Amino acid sequence: MKRGEVYRTQEKIAERGHKPGFYVVVSRDFIASNDDVTTVICAPVYGESLGLRSEVPIGLADGLPQESSIRCDFLTLMFKRKLTRFVCTLSSGKQIELTRALTYALQLEQHKVR
């Protein structure tokens, strides 16, 4: 498992209306690939776009069944064992967009470390 990979859950998730869902791993690779760590931080993928700076469009060209958006305002901690079906790895361009959306969603631009 690596940052930027998209997975689908097989089991139903209460926060998703008791339906399976798509998630993008946003934890750093050290955490995502470490077998001793059982959870990763993920951004959920929704089938509609709200046009927010904290969203990243993703769709058919990326391996999803429909045009969707990664919503970086709704990060969630997921057990790795729930991310059962690998879908795709985001392109380098989409990963740059994801980093920008996460930076905006978490207000990291305003809190630069000196």
C-alpha atoms as a PDB file:
ATOM      1  CA  MET A   1       0.000   0.000   0.000  1.00  0.00           C
ATOM      2  CA  LYS A   2       1.284   3.481  -0.911  1.00  0.00           C
ATOM      3  CA  ARG A   3       0.215   7.106  -0.814  1.00  0.00           C
ATOM      4  CA  GLY A   4      -1.882   7.996  -3.851  1.00  0.00           C
ATOM      5  CA  GLU A   5      -3.407   4.553  -4.297  1.00  0.00           C
ATOM      6  CA  VAL A   6      -7.178   4.262  -4.649  1.00  0.00           C
ATOM      7  CA  TYR A   7      -9.032   1.386  -2.992  1.00  0.00           C
ATOM      8  CA  ARG A   8     -12.630   0.300  -2.747  1.00  0.00           C
ATOM      9  CA  THR A   9     -14.084  -1.072   0.452  1.00  0.00           C
ATOM     10  CA  GLN A  10     -16.073  -4.251   0.192  1.00  0.00           C
ATOM     11  CA  GLU A  11     -17.969  -3.895   3.425  1.00  0.00           C
ATOM     12  CA  LYS A  12     -20.587  -1.261   4.006  1.00  0.00           C
ATOM     13  CA  ILE A  13     -19.412   1.932   5.726  1.00  0.00           C
ATOM     14  CA  ALA A  14     -21.885   3.736   8.018  1.00  0.00           C
ATOM     15  CA  GLU A  15     -20.471   7.166   7.115  1.00  0.00           C
ATOM     16  CA  ARG A  16     -21.136   6.413   3.435  1.00  0.00           C
ATOM     17  CA  GLY A  17     -24.841   5.595   3.852  1.00  0.00           C
ATOM     18  CA  HIS A  18     -24.055   1.927   4.550  1.00  0.00           C
ATOM     19  CA  LYS A  19     -22.556   1.438   1.088  1.00  0.00           C
ATOM     20  CA  PRO A  20     -19.046   0.475  -0.002  1.00  0.00           C
ATOM     21  CA  GLY A  21     -16.884   3.380  -1.068  1.00  0.00           C
ATOM     22  CA  PHE A  22     -13.681   4.496  -2.763  1.00  0.00           C
ATOM     23  CA  TYR A  23     -10.791   5.946  -0.755  1.00  0.00           C
ATOM     24  CA  VAL A  24      -7.407   7.456  -1.614  1.00  0.00           C
ATOM     25  CA  VAL A  25      -4.519   6.713   0.746  1.00  0.00           C
ATOM     26  CA  VAL A  26      -2.944   9.992   1.900  1.00  0.00           C
ATOM     27  CA  SER A  27      -0.671   8.670   4.673  1.00  0.00           C
ATOM     28  CA  ARG A  28       3.018   8.869   3.890  1.00  0.00           C
ATOM     29  CA  ASP A  29       4.557   5.770   2.319  1.00  0.00           C
ATOM     30  CA  PHE A  30       6.413   4.783   5.507  1.00  0.00           C
ATOM     31  CA  ILE A  31       3.071   4.361   7.296  1.00  0.00           C
ATOM     32  CA  ALA A  32       1.100   2.985   4.346  1.00  0.00           C
ATOM     33  CA  SER A  33       3.641   0.288   3.508  1.00  0.00           C
ATOM     34  CA  ASN A  34       4.467  -0.680   7.104  1.00  0.00           C
ATOM     35  CA  ASP A  35       2.841  -4.030   7.959  1.00  0.00           C
ATOM     36  CA  ASP A  36       3.079  -3.235  11.676  1.00  0.00           C
ATOM     37  CA  VAL A  37       0.740  -0.253  11.230  1.00  0.00           C
ATOM     38  CA  THR A  38      -2.899  -1.322  10.810  1.00  0.00           C
ATOM     39  CA  THR A  39      -4.448   2.007   9.796  1.00  0.00           C
ATOM     40  CA  VAL A  40      -3.938   4.720   7.179  1.00  0.00           C
ATOM     41  CA  ILE A  41      -5.402   8.177   6.648  1.00  0.00           C
ATOM     42  CA  CYS A  42      -7.621   8.300   3.573  1.00  0.00           C
ATOM     43  CA  ALA A  43      -9.581  10.869   1.612  1.00  0.00           C
ATOM     44  CA  PRO A  44     -13.013   9.654   0.495  1.00  0.00           C
ATOM     45  CA  VAL A  45     -14.110   9.752  -3.135  1.00  0.00           C
ATOM     46  CA  TYR A  46     -17.616  11.029  -3.874  1.00  0.00           C
ATOM     47  CA  GLY A  47     -19.611  10.712  -7.088  1.00  0.00           C
ATOM     48  CA  GLU A  48     -20.314  14.422  -7.248  1.00  0.00           C
ATOM     49  CA  SER A  49     -18.157  17.514  -7.240  1.00  0.00           C
ATOM     50  CA  LEU A  50     -18.916  20.588  -5.163  1.00  0.00           C
ATOM     51  CA  GLY A  51     -16.295  22.694  -6.966  1.00  0.00           C
ATOM     52  CA  LEU A  52     -14.177  23.209  -3.846  1.00  0.00           C
ATOM     53  CA  ARG A  53     -10.417  23.903  -3.840  1.00  0.00           C
ATOM     54  CA  SER A  54     -10.129  21.005  -1.410  1.00  0.00           C
ATOM     55  CA  GLU A  55     -11.421  18.543  -4.044  1.00  0.00           C
ATOM     56  CA  VAL A  56      -9.540  16.711  -6.788  1.00  0.00           C
ATOM     57  CA  PRO A  57     -11.484  15.539  -9.848  1.00  0.00           C
ATOM     58  CA  ILE A  58     -10.971  11.862 -10.678  1.00  0.00           C
ATOM     59  CA  GLY A  59     -12.823   9.605 -13.048  1.00  0.00           C
ATOM     60  CA  LEU A  60     -12.904   7.160 -15.911  1.00  0.00           C
ATOM     61  CA  ALA A  61      -9.401   8.021 -17.143  1.00  0.00           C
ATOM     62  CA  ASP A  62      -8.115   7.303 -13.617  1.00  0.00           C
ATOM     63  CA  GLY A  63      -9.791   3.897 -13.325  1.00  0.00           C
ATOM     64  CA  LEU A  64     -12.994   4.823 -11.501  1.00  0.00           C
ATOM     65  CA  PRO A  65     -16.422   3.816 -12.845  1.00  0.00           C
ATOM     66  CA  GLN A  66     -17.665   7.429 -13.043  1.00  0.00           C
ATOM     67  CA  GLU A  67     -16.516  11.022 -12.764  1.00  0.00           C
ATOM     68  CA  SER A  68     -15.971  11.763  -9.079  1.00  0.00           C
ATOM     69  CA  SER A  69     -14.063  13.950  -6.619  1.00  0.00           C
ATOM     70  CA  ILE A  70     -11.550  13.227  -3.880  1.00  0.00           C
ATOM     71  CA  ARG A  71     -12.711  15.287  -0.891  1.00  0.00           C
ATOM     72  CA  CYS A  72      -9.783  16.354   1.248  1.00  0.00           C
ATOM     73  CA  ASP A  73     -11.985  18.090   3.833  1.00  0.00           C
ATOM     74  CA  PHE A  74     -13.261  14.713   5.057  1.00  0.00           C
ATOM     75  CA  LEU A  75     -10.125  12.734   5.878  1.00  0.00           C
ATOM     76  CA  THR A  76     -10.732   9.524   7.775  1.00  0.00           C
ATOM     77  CA  LEU A  77      -8.673   6.882   9.540  1.00  0.00           C
ATOM     78  CA  MET A  78      -9.254   3.495   7.898  1.00  0.00           C
ATOM     79  CA  PHE A  79      -8.134   0.013   8.825  1.00  0.00           C
ATOM     80  CA  LYS A  80      -5.973  -1.310   5.993  1.00  0.00           C
ATOM     81  CA  ARG A  81      -7.906  -4.584   6.064  1.00  0.00           C
ATOM     82  CA  LYS A  82     -11.063  -2.686   4.997  1.00  0.00           C
ATOM     83  CA  LEU A  83      -9.379  -1.376   1.832  1.00  0.00           C
ATOM     84  CA  THR A  84      -9.848  -4.655   0.017  1.00  0.00           C
ATOM     85  CA  ARG A  85      -9.930  -3.869  -3.692  1.00  0.00           C
ATOM     86  CA  PHE A  86      -7.071  -1.962  -5.323  1.00  0.00           C
ATOM     87  CA  VAL A  87      -8.430   0.291  -8.069  1.00  0.00           C
ATOM     88  CA  CYS A  88      -5.532   2.416  -9.335  1.00  0.00           C
ATOM     89  CA  THR A  89      -2.591   4.630  -8.482  1.00  0.00           C
ATOM     90  CA  LEU A  90      -3.051   8.341  -9.108  1.00  0.00           C
ATOM     91  CA  SER A  91      -0.856   9.810 -11.841  1.00  0.00           C
ATOM     92  CA  SER A  92       1.935  12.147 -10.755  1.00  0.00           C
ATOM     93  CA  GLY A  93      -0.192  15.089 -11.931  1.00  0.00           C
ATOM     94  CA  LYS A  94      -3.163  13.964  -9.832  1.00  0.00           C
ATOM     95  CA  GLN A  95      -0.850  13.436  -6.851  1.00  0.00           C
ATOM     96  CA  ILE A  96       0.339  17.046  -7.187  1.00  0.00           C
ATOM     97  CA  GLU A  97      -3.314  18.167  -7.272  1.00  0.00           C
ATOM     98  CA  LEU A  98      -3.981  15.994  -4.203  1.00  0.00           C
ATOM     99  CA  THR A  99      -1.088  17.604  -2.314  1.00  0.00           C
ATOM    100  CA  ARG A 100      -2.400  21.073  -3.181  1.00  0.00           C
ATOM    101  CA  ALA A 101      -5.937  20.158  -2.095  1.00  0.00           C
ATOM    102  CA  LEU A 102      -4.657  18.678   1.193  1.00  0.00           C
ATOM    103  CA  THR A 103      -2.526  21.773   1.820  1.00  0.00           C
ATOM    104  CA  TYR A 104      -5.598  23.949   1.330  1.00  0.00           C
ATOM    105  CA  ALA A 105      -7.958  21.711   3.341  1.00  0.00           C
ATOM    106  CA  LEU A 106      -5.590  21.585   6.305  1.00  0.00           C
ATOM    107  CA  GLN A 107      -4.605  25.281   6.042  1.00  0.00           C
ATOM    108  CA  LEU A 108      -0.928  24.340   5.875  1.00  0.00           C
ATOM    109  CA  GLU A 109      -0.066  27.374   3.725  1.00  0.00           C
ATOM    110  CA  GLN A 110      -0.914  29.667   6.624  1.00  0.00           C
ATOM    111  CA  HIS A 111       1.209  27.753   9.112  1.00  0.00           C
ATOM    112  CA  LYS A 112       4.591  27.439   7.454  1.00  0.00           C
ATOM    113  CA  VAL A 113       7.334  26.255   9.763  1.00  0.00           C
ATOM    114  CA  ARG A 114      10.303  28.592   9.873  1.00  0.00           C
END
